[in-house]
Amino acid sequence: MEYASVAVISDRQGKPVRFAGDALALIYRKENGVWAHSGTVPFCIGEKATPARLRESLRDFIAALGETRVLIAASISGLAYSVLDQRGFRLCTLDAFDPECLDALMEALNAPPEDPAVENRPTAAGDPGVYECDLTLMLREYPELSSKKILLPFLDAAAFAELRITCGHVPPWLPPELKRRGFVHEVYDLEDGKALLRVYPAPR
């Protein structure tokens, strides 16, 4: 799919904001060789919306965007990330936005995928309910992301039996966050100097 427009989740001053609460989606399209603001889609998700209300708001928001399937925000997580990702959106996080960056962004998004492709989120490992990710490889392929931006949306949205994370070192924030969310984990040293983190839901 070739992308020709982008939606920037912004405050009223045009600064990218977190995909939550009240904000504006500023739509940009290229006209006569220049990226220009071509429309605005307001939306209100609400900080404490129920999952059902959030899904309804997202459905209306996606319909209002039309063919636009590239979305920029300061951060996107949880159910919103999961729904947008499943609907085929390319999700980008930026703390600041300038239309002049869109040529480079679209060139990268429209480029043929390299083989093998590296996903920016955990993927199914083959066994039912088991997912895996090589965090070291993901961070190298997606330098704009952090370990939190890769793992937190998955922990928010996915139901899994086991998550296997290969990493150079265990991110310091991760063990306490897993405990807070009710997961247990085991750490194994690998022969190449990396670590394997195996995460499970805590037994009931």
Protein backbone atom coordinates (compact mmCIF):
# COMPACT_ATOMS: atom_id res chain seq x y z
CA MET A 1 0.00 0.00 0.00
CA GLU A 2 1.34 3.44 -0.92
CA TYR A 3 0.65 6.20 1.57
CA ALA A 4 -0.24 9.71 0.38
CA SER A 5 -1.60 11.40 3.50
CA VAL A 6 -0.88 11.56 7.21
CA ALA A 7 -2.82 12.44 10.36
CA VAL A 8 -1.00 14.23 13.18
CA ILE A 9 -2.60 13.95 16.63
CA SER A 10 -2.09 17.47 17.94
CA ASP A 11 -3.14 20.06 20.44
CA ARG A 12 -4.60 23.32 19.12
CA GLN A 13 -1.10 24.71 18.63
CA GLY A 14 -0.14 21.85 16.31
CA LYS A 15 2.19 20.08 18.74
CA PRO A 16 1.94 16.25 18.74
CA VAL A 17 0.20 14.92 21.86
CA ARG A 18 -0.56 11.52 23.35
CA PHE A 19 -3.36 9.59 21.66
CA ALA A 20 -5.87 9.98 24.48
CA GLY A 21 -8.43 12.46 25.73
CA ASP A 22 -9.39 15.40 23.52
CA ALA A 23 -7.19 16.27 20.55
CA LEU A 24 -7.26 17.07 16.85
CA ALA A 25 -6.12 14.97 13.91
CA LEU A 26 -4.54 17.40 11.44
CA ILE A 27 -4.57 15.84 7.96
CA TYR A 28 -1.69 16.61 5.59
CA ARG A 29 -1.55 15.85 1.86
CA LYS A 30 0.99 16.76 -0.77
CA GLU A 31 -0.34 19.40 -3.16
CA ASN A 32 1.80 20.83 -5.99
CA GLY A 33 4.89 19.29 -4.45
CA VAL A 34 4.25 20.78 -1.00
CA TRP A 35 2.77 19.12 2.09
CA ALA A 36 -0.23 21.16 3.19
CA HIS A 37 -2.87 20.94 5.89
CA SER A 38 -6.01 19.70 4.12
CA GLY A 39 -8.45 19.08 6.96
CA THR A 40 -9.03 18.49 10.65
CA VAL A 41 -10.76 15.58 12.37
CA PRO A 42 -11.59 16.28 16.04
CA PHE A 43 -12.07 13.38 18.39
CA CYS A 44 -12.75 12.75 22.06
CA ILE A 45 -11.70 9.41 23.47
CA GLY A 46 -11.72 10.40 27.13
CA GLU A 47 -9.06 9.56 29.69
CA LYS A 48 -11.34 7.10 31.56
CA ALA A 49 -13.44 5.71 28.72
CA THR A 50 -14.59 2.10 29.00
CA PRO A 51 -13.11 -0.36 26.47
CA ALA A 52 -16.47 -0.50 24.66
CA ARG A 53 -16.67 3.30 24.46
CA LEU A 54 -13.07 3.49 23.32
CA ARG A 55 -13.68 0.99 20.51
CA GLU A 56 -16.76 2.95 19.41
CA SER A 57 -14.82 6.23 19.40
CA LEU A 58 -11.98 4.63 17.43
CA ARG A 59 -14.41 3.21 14.86
CA ASP A 60 -15.91 6.66 14.25
CA PHE A 61 -12.46 8.26 14.18
CA ILE A 62 -11.12 5.77 11.61
CA ALA A 63 -14.17 6.31 9.39
CA ALA A 64 -13.67 10.08 9.53
CA LEU A 65 -10.02 9.74 8.45
CA GLY A 66 -11.06 8.16 5.15
CA GLU A 67 -8.08 6.70 3.28
CA THR A 68 -5.46 8.13 5.66
CA ARG A 69 -3.58 5.27 7.29
CA VAL A 70 -0.47 6.98 8.67
CA LEU A 71 -0.80 8.45 12.15
CA ILE A 72 1.71 10.52 14.13
CA ALA A 73 1.37 11.19 17.87
CA ALA A 74 3.61 11.86 20.85
CA SER A 75 2.72 8.36 22.09
CA ILE A 76 0.20 5.63 21.30
CA SER A 77 -0.44 2.68 23.61
CA GLY A 78 -2.93 0.22 24.98
CA LEU A 79 -6.17 -0.64 23.25
CA ALA A 80 -5.91 2.33 20.87
CA TYR A 81 -2.55 1.04 19.60
CA SER A 82 -3.91 -2.47 19.20
CA VAL A 83 -7.05 -1.41 17.29
CA LEU A 84 -5.22 1.00 14.97
CA ASP A 85 -2.48 -1.54 14.30
CA GLN A 86 -5.04 -4.24 13.46
CA ARG A 87 -6.77 -1.83 11.06
CA GLY A 88 -3.57 -1.40 9.08
CA PHE A 89 -2.35 1.96 10.39
CA ARG A 90 1.33 2.88 10.32
CA LEU A 91 1.92 4.40 13.76
CA CYS A 92 4.75 6.88 14.31
CA THR A 93 5.76 8.69 17.49
CA LEU A 94 7.29 12.18 17.39
CA ASP A 95 7.68 14.79 20.11
CA ALA A 96 7.72 17.63 17.56
CA PHE A 97 6.33 17.89 14.04
CA ASP A 98 7.31 19.82 10.93
CA PRO A 99 5.65 19.12 7.54
CA GLU A 100 9.13 19.20 6.00
CA CYS A 101 9.84 15.82 7.62
CA LEU A 102 7.01 14.14 5.70
CA ASP A 103 8.92 13.52 2.45
CA ALA A 104 11.52 11.44 4.30
CA LEU A 105 8.83 9.68 6.35
CA MET A 106 6.73 8.76 3.32
CA GLU A 107 9.79 7.59 1.41
CA ALA A 108 10.59 5.21 4.28
CA LEU A 109 6.98 4.00 4.64
CA ASN A 110 6.48 3.49 0.91
CA ALA A 111 9.81 1.68 0.39
CA PRO A 112 9.57 -2.05 -0.38
CA PRO A 113 10.06 -4.06 2.82
CA GLU A 114 13.47 -5.58 3.36
CA ASP A 115 13.68 -9.35 3.67
CA PRO A 116 13.51 -10.56 6.32
CA ALA A 117 11.27 -7.88 7.78
CA VAL A 118 11.74 -6.98 11.43
CA GLU A 119 8.50 -6.32 13.27
CA ASN A 120 8.40 -3.56 15.88
CA ARG A 121 6.34 -5.67 18.29
CA PRO A 122 6.36 -9.25 19.61
CA THR A 123 5.15 -11.83 17.09
CA ALA A 124 3.62 -15.29 17.37
CA ALA A 125 6.26 -17.96 17.96
CA GLY A 126 4.30 -20.88 16.52
CA ASP A 127 2.97 -22.50 19.67
CA PRO A 128 -0.53 -21.29 20.66
CA GLY A 129 -0.38 -18.26 22.94
CA VAL A 130 3.42 -17.95 22.75
CA TYR A 131 5.03 -14.74 21.47
CA GLU A 132 8.64 -13.70 21.06
CA CYS A 133 10.77 -10.69 20.25
CA ASP A 134 14.46 -9.87 19.87
CA LEU A 135 14.57 -6.53 21.67
CA THR A 136 18.18 -5.85 20.65
CA LEU A 137 17.34 -6.26 16.96
CA MET A 138 14.14 -4.20 17.23
CA LEU A 139 15.93 -1.29 18.89
CA ARG A 140 18.57 -1.35 16.17
CA GLU A 141 15.99 -1.43 13.36
CA TYR A 142 13.70 1.16 15.01
CA PRO A 143 16.02 3.66 16.75
CA GLU A 144 13.08 6.04 17.31
CA LEU A 145 11.52 3.47 19.67
CA SER A 146 12.42 2.51 23.23
CA SER A 147 11.95 -0.78 25.05
CA LYS A 148 8.89 0.73 26.75
CA LYS A 149 7.33 1.79 23.44
CA ILE A 150 7.84 -1.71 22.05
CA LEU A 151 6.69 -3.77 25.04
CA LEU A 152 4.07 -1.74 26.93
CA PRO A 153 1.45 -1.68 24.12
CA PHE A 154 1.78 -5.46 23.84
CA LEU A 155 1.44 -5.96 27.59
CA ASP A 156 -1.58 -3.63 27.58
CA ALA A 157 -3.41 -5.29 24.72
CA ALA A 158 -2.36 -8.92 24.29
CA ALA A 159 -3.44 -12.07 26.10
CA PHE A 160 -0.59 -14.56 25.99
CA ALA A 161 0.55 -17.76 27.66
CA GLU A 162 4.24 -16.90 27.37
CA LEU A 163 6.31 -14.00 26.07
CA ARG A 164 9.98 -14.68 25.24
CA ILE A 165 12.18 -11.57 25.13
CA THR A 166 15.79 -11.76 23.94
CA CYS A 167 17.82 -8.74 25.00
CA GLY A 168 21.36 -7.54 25.64
CA HIS A 169 20.32 -6.77 29.21
CA VAL A 170 17.01 -6.78 31.03
CA PRO A 171 15.59 -3.21 30.99
CA PRO A 172 15.60 -2.01 34.64
CA TRP A 173 11.99 -0.81 34.42
CA LEU A 174 10.65 -4.15 33.19
CA PRO A 175 10.75 -6.53 36.24
CA PRO A 176 8.85 -4.15 38.58
CA GLU A 177 6.37 -3.35 35.80
CA LEU A 178 5.74 -7.05 35.19
CA LYS A 179 5.19 -7.64 38.91
CA ARG A 180 2.78 -4.68 39.06
CA ARG A 181 0.77 -6.14 36.17
CA GLY A 182 0.57 -9.62 37.70
CA PHE A 183 3.17 -11.39 35.55
CA VAL A 184 5.99 -13.67 36.67
CA HIS A 185 9.27 -13.99 34.78
CA GLU A 186 12.45 -16.02 34.55
CA VAL A 187 15.82 -14.86 33.22
CA TYR A 188 18.31 -17.15 31.44
CA ASP A 189 21.83 -16.33 30.28
CA LEU A 190 22.45 -17.22 26.62
CA GLU A 191 25.75 -18.35 25.14
CA ASP A 192 26.12 -15.21 23.01
CA GLY A 193 26.05 -12.98 26.10
CA LYS A 194 22.43 -11.99 25.70
CA ALA A 195 19.63 -12.76 28.13
CA LEU A 196 16.33 -14.56 27.56
CA LEU A 197 13.41 -13.27 29.58
CA ARG A 198 10.40 -15.62 29.76
CA VAL A 199 7.21 -13.92 30.96
CA TYR A 200 4.02 -15.70 32.10
CA PRO A 201 0.73 -14.64 33.65
CA ALA A 202 0.87 -15.33 37.38
CA PRO A 203 -0.95 -18.55 38.30
CA ARG A 204 -4.37 -17.99 39.86
